[in-house]
């Protein structure tokens, strides 16, 4: 999509207060949206006067766009929608948003082919996306939790992990997940994360 098409898409969505077409377009054209200068301002306009429970998937989608300024923009959005307080008071919302962020960031992860060959630059972008989103929305940054979430992307965890996995106390065990590709593939990623700790990837 070119900038004009994206601008028109947002204009229609803002006028109608509908997210679905924008969600689909972002999920299929992340690089185009990442290059769109007015991305965050249009996202904020689309979120005006919206209730958090009505825009969970949209928030998950925008968290998966590798656009500059994400940290500041997501903090601003979190404040406008009062997200940290909302997820503290509503366990269902807390889990739904956590899962939505994972689902769409996983799509980015797959698009960059991280699941077959761990490239430091790409996995660092994924780790930063998750860390920035989780911090802005009130989940905090848990290095071990980030590692488990990212590694679950390799194991066909289609719907994501609940916040109970986002902890320093939980250990990553590939056999706990829905798809296990054998010890050889796990060894490749074990070595990658040994050489590239999460704390370094999110710097």
Protein backbone atom coordinates (compact mmCIF):
# COMPACT_ATOMS: atom_id res chain seq x y z
CA UNK A 1 0.00 0.00 0.00
CA UNK A 2 1.22 3.52 -0.70
CA UNK A 3 0.89 6.44 1.71
CA UNK A 4 -2.21 7.82 0.01
CA UNK A 5 -4.03 4.48 0.28
CA UNK A 6 -3.12 4.23 3.96
CA UNK A 7 -4.23 7.81 4.59
CA UNK A 8 -7.61 7.11 2.95
CA UNK A 9 -8.01 3.86 4.88
CA UNK A 10 -7.45 5.62 8.20
CA UNK A 11 -9.74 8.51 7.21
CA UNK A 12 -12.61 6.12 6.49
CA UNK A 13 -11.96 4.13 9.66
CA UNK A 14 -11.87 7.31 11.78
CA UNK A 15 -15.11 8.55 10.23
CA UNK A 16 -16.88 5.24 10.80
CA UNK A 17 -15.17 4.31 14.08
CA UNK A 18 -14.39 0.85 12.72
CA UNK A 19 -11.16 -1.10 13.17
CA UNK A 20 -11.51 -4.28 11.12
CA UNK A 21 -10.23 -3.10 7.73
CA UNK A 22 -7.27 -1.30 9.29
CA UNK A 23 -6.38 -4.36 11.37
CA UNK A 24 -6.36 -6.59 8.28
CA UNK A 25 -4.40 -4.06 6.23
CA UNK A 26 -1.73 -3.62 8.91
CA UNK A 27 -1.38 -7.37 9.42
CA UNK A 28 -0.77 -7.83 5.68
CA UNK A 29 1.34 -4.70 5.01
CA UNK A 30 3.40 -3.92 8.13
CA UNK A 31 6.36 -2.47 6.25
CA UNK A 32 4.10 -0.03 4.40
CA UNK A 33 2.53 1.16 7.64
CA UNK A 34 5.97 1.42 9.24
CA UNK A 35 6.93 3.85 6.46
CA UNK A 36 3.77 5.95 6.88
CA UNK A 37 4.72 9.20 8.65
CA UNK A 38 1.29 9.90 10.17
CA UNK A 39 0.85 6.38 11.54
CA UNK A 40 0.77 7.21 15.25
CA UNK A 41 -1.28 10.37 14.89
CA UNK A 42 -3.90 8.49 12.85
CA UNK A 43 -3.86 5.61 15.36
CA UNK A 44 -4.54 8.09 18.16
CA UNK A 45 -7.40 9.68 16.20
CA UNK A 46 -8.97 6.28 15.58
CA UNK A 47 -8.77 5.47 19.29
CA UNK A 48 -10.45 8.69 20.41
CA UNK A 49 -13.65 8.10 22.37
CA UNK A 50 -13.20 4.33 22.18
CA UNK A 51 -13.60 1.87 25.04
CA UNK A 52 -10.61 -0.38 25.69
CA UNK A 53 -12.62 -3.60 25.33
CA UNK A 54 -13.63 -2.56 21.80
CA UNK A 55 -10.10 -2.04 20.48
CA UNK A 56 -8.08 -4.95 21.87
CA UNK A 57 -7.18 -6.44 18.46
CA UNK A 58 -6.39 -3.02 17.03
CA UNK A 59 -3.98 -2.30 19.88
CA UNK A 60 -2.35 -5.70 19.38
CA UNK A 61 -1.91 -4.94 15.70
CA UNK A 62 -0.33 -1.51 16.13
CA UNK A 63 2.10 -2.99 18.68
CA UNK A 64 3.41 -5.23 15.87
CA UNK A 65 4.35 -2.39 13.50
CA UNK A 66 8.11 -1.63 13.54
CA UNK A 67 7.50 2.13 13.45
CA UNK A 68 9.78 4.70 15.04
CA UNK A 69 8.39 6.51 18.06
CA UNK A 70 6.49 3.45 19.29
CA UNK A 71 7.58 3.83 22.92
CA UNK A 72 6.34 7.39 23.32
CA UNK A 73 3.19 6.77 21.28
CA UNK A 74 2.15 3.65 23.19
CA UNK A 75 2.69 5.39 26.54
CA UNK A 76 0.45 8.21 25.32
CA UNK A 77 -2.20 5.74 24.12
CA UNK A 78 -2.02 3.82 27.41
CA UNK A 79 -2.65 7.04 29.32
CA UNK A 80 -5.52 8.10 27.07
CA UNK A 81 -7.28 4.74 27.47
CA UNK A 82 -6.16 4.30 31.10
CA UNK A 83 -4.86 0.85 30.16
CA UNK A 84 -2.65 0.09 33.21
CA UNK A 85 -5.54 0.74 35.60
CA UNK A 86 -8.04 -1.09 33.41
CA UNK A 87 -6.01 -4.30 33.22
CA UNK A 88 -5.30 -4.15 36.94
CA UNK A 89 -9.03 -4.05 37.66
CA UNK A 90 -10.21 -6.49 34.98
CA UNK A 91 -8.47 -9.86 34.69
CA UNK A 92 -10.23 -10.73 31.40
CA UNK A 93 -9.08 -7.50 29.73
CA UNK A 94 -5.59 -8.07 31.09
CA UNK A 95 -5.36 -11.49 29.45
CA UNK A 96 -7.12 -10.49 26.21
CA UNK A 97 -4.74 -7.61 25.54
CA UNK A 98 -1.69 -9.69 26.49
CA UNK A 99 -2.78 -12.41 24.03
CA UNK A 100 -3.59 -9.90 21.26
CA UNK A 101 -0.14 -8.31 21.45
CA UNK A 102 1.48 -11.74 21.18
CA UNK A 103 -0.71 -12.86 18.29
CA UNK A 104 0.16 -9.94 16.04
CA UNK A 105 3.82 -9.68 17.07
CA UNK A 106 4.08 -13.40 16.30
CA UNK A 107 2.84 -12.63 12.77
CA UNK A 108 5.68 -10.14 12.42
CA UNK A 109 8.09 -12.75 13.80
CA UNK A 110 6.94 -15.26 11.18
CA UNK A 111 7.10 -12.66 8.39
CA UNK A 112 10.76 -11.98 9.22
CA UNK A 113 11.50 -15.74 9.16
CA UNK A 114 12.83 -15.70 12.73
CA UNK A 115 11.40 -19.13 13.49
CA UNK A 116 13.74 -21.00 11.13
CA UNK A 117 16.95 -18.99 11.46
CA UNK A 118 17.50 -16.73 14.46
CA UNK A 119 18.82 -13.43 13.12
CA UNK A 120 19.90 -11.05 15.88
CA UNK A 121 18.56 -7.89 14.21
CA UNK A 122 15.11 -9.38 13.60
CA UNK A 123 14.69 -11.05 16.98
CA UNK A 124 15.90 -7.87 18.67
CA UNK A 125 13.08 -5.97 16.93
CA UNK A 126 10.57 -8.56 18.13
CA UNK A 127 11.90 -8.43 21.70
CA UNK A 128 11.76 -4.62 21.71
CA UNK A 129 8.21 -4.63 20.32
CA UNK A 130 7.06 -6.86 23.14
CA UNK A 131 9.05 -5.07 25.83
CA UNK A 132 7.86 -1.61 24.78
CA UNK A 133 4.23 -2.72 24.54
CA UNK A 134 4.19 -4.64 27.81
CA UNK A 135 5.89 -1.79 29.66
CA UNK A 136 3.60 0.90 28.24
CA UNK A 137 0.43 -1.02 29.00
CA UNK A 138 1.31 -1.95 32.56
CA UNK A 139 2.64 -5.53 32.39
CA UNK A 140 6.20 -4.42 33.00
CA UNK A 141 9.40 -5.78 31.45
CA UNK A 142 10.24 -9.31 32.59
CA UNK A 143 13.29 -10.63 30.73
CA UNK A 144 12.60 -14.30 31.44
CA UNK A 145 8.93 -13.82 30.53
CA UNK A 146 9.91 -12.16 27.24
CA UNK A 147 12.20 -15.08 26.46
CA UNK A 148 9.41 -17.60 27.08
CA UNK A 149 6.90 -15.64 24.98
CA UNK A 150 9.31 -15.31 22.04
CA UNK A 151 10.41 -18.93 22.20
CA UNK A 152 6.79 -20.06 22.26
CA UNK A 153 6.44 -18.48 18.80
CA UNK A 154 8.57 -21.35 17.48
CA UNK A 155 6.29 -23.94 18.98
CA UNK A 156 2.97 -23.20 17.28
CA UNK A 157 1.36 -21.52 20.29
CA UNK A 158 -1.20 -19.85 18.05
CA UNK A 159 -3.24 -18.06 20.69
CA UNK A 160 -0.37 -16.91 22.87
CA UNK A 161 0.51 -17.46 26.51
CA UNK A 162 -1.36 -16.18 29.55
CA UNK A 163 0.32 -13.73 31.92
CA UNK A 164 1.07 -16.60 34.31
CA UNK A 165 3.93 -17.51 31.92
CA UNK A 166 5.29 -13.95 32.07
CA UNK A 167 7.41 -14.50 35.14
CA UNK A 168 10.95 -14.98 36.38
CA UNK A 169 9.85 -18.15 38.16
CA UNK A 170 8.75 -20.06 35.04
CA UNK A 171 11.23 -22.11 33.03
CA UNK A 172 11.04 -22.54 29.26
CA UNK A 173 10.32 -26.15 28.31
CA UNK A 174 9.48 -26.71 24.61
CA UNK A 175 7.64 -29.93 25.37
CA UNK A 176 5.05 -27.88 27.30
CA UNK A 177 3.85 -26.34 24.04
CA UNK A 178 1.68 -27.52 21.17
CA UNK A 179 4.39 -28.21 18.63
CA UNK A 180 7.87 -29.49 19.33
CA UNK A 181 10.35 -29.63 16.45
CA UNK A 182 12.95 -31.80 18.11
CA UNK A 183 16.05 -31.13 20.13
CA UNK A 184 18.19 -30.09 17.15
CA UNK A 185 16.08 -27.03 16.40
CA UNK A 186 15.88 -26.15 20.09
CA UNK A 187 19.66 -26.36 20.38
CA UNK A 188 20.05 -23.69 17.69
CA UNK A 189 17.86 -21.30 19.67
CA UNK A 190 19.40 -22.30 23.02
CA UNK A 191 22.79 -21.25 21.68
CA UNK A 192 21.39 -18.06 20.14
CA UNK A 193 19.86 -16.86 23.43
CA UNK A 194 22.94 -17.92 25.38
CA UNK A 195 25.00 -15.66 23.09
CA UNK A 196 22.29 -12.96 22.94
CA UNK A 197 20.53 -12.51 26.28
CA UNK A 198 17.16 -10.76 26.21
CA UNK A 199 18.55 -7.86 28.26
CA UNK A 200 20.99 -7.15 25.42
CA UNK A 201 18.39 -7.61 22.67
CA UNK A 202 16.06 -4.98 24.15
CA UNK A 203 18.71 -2.30 24.73
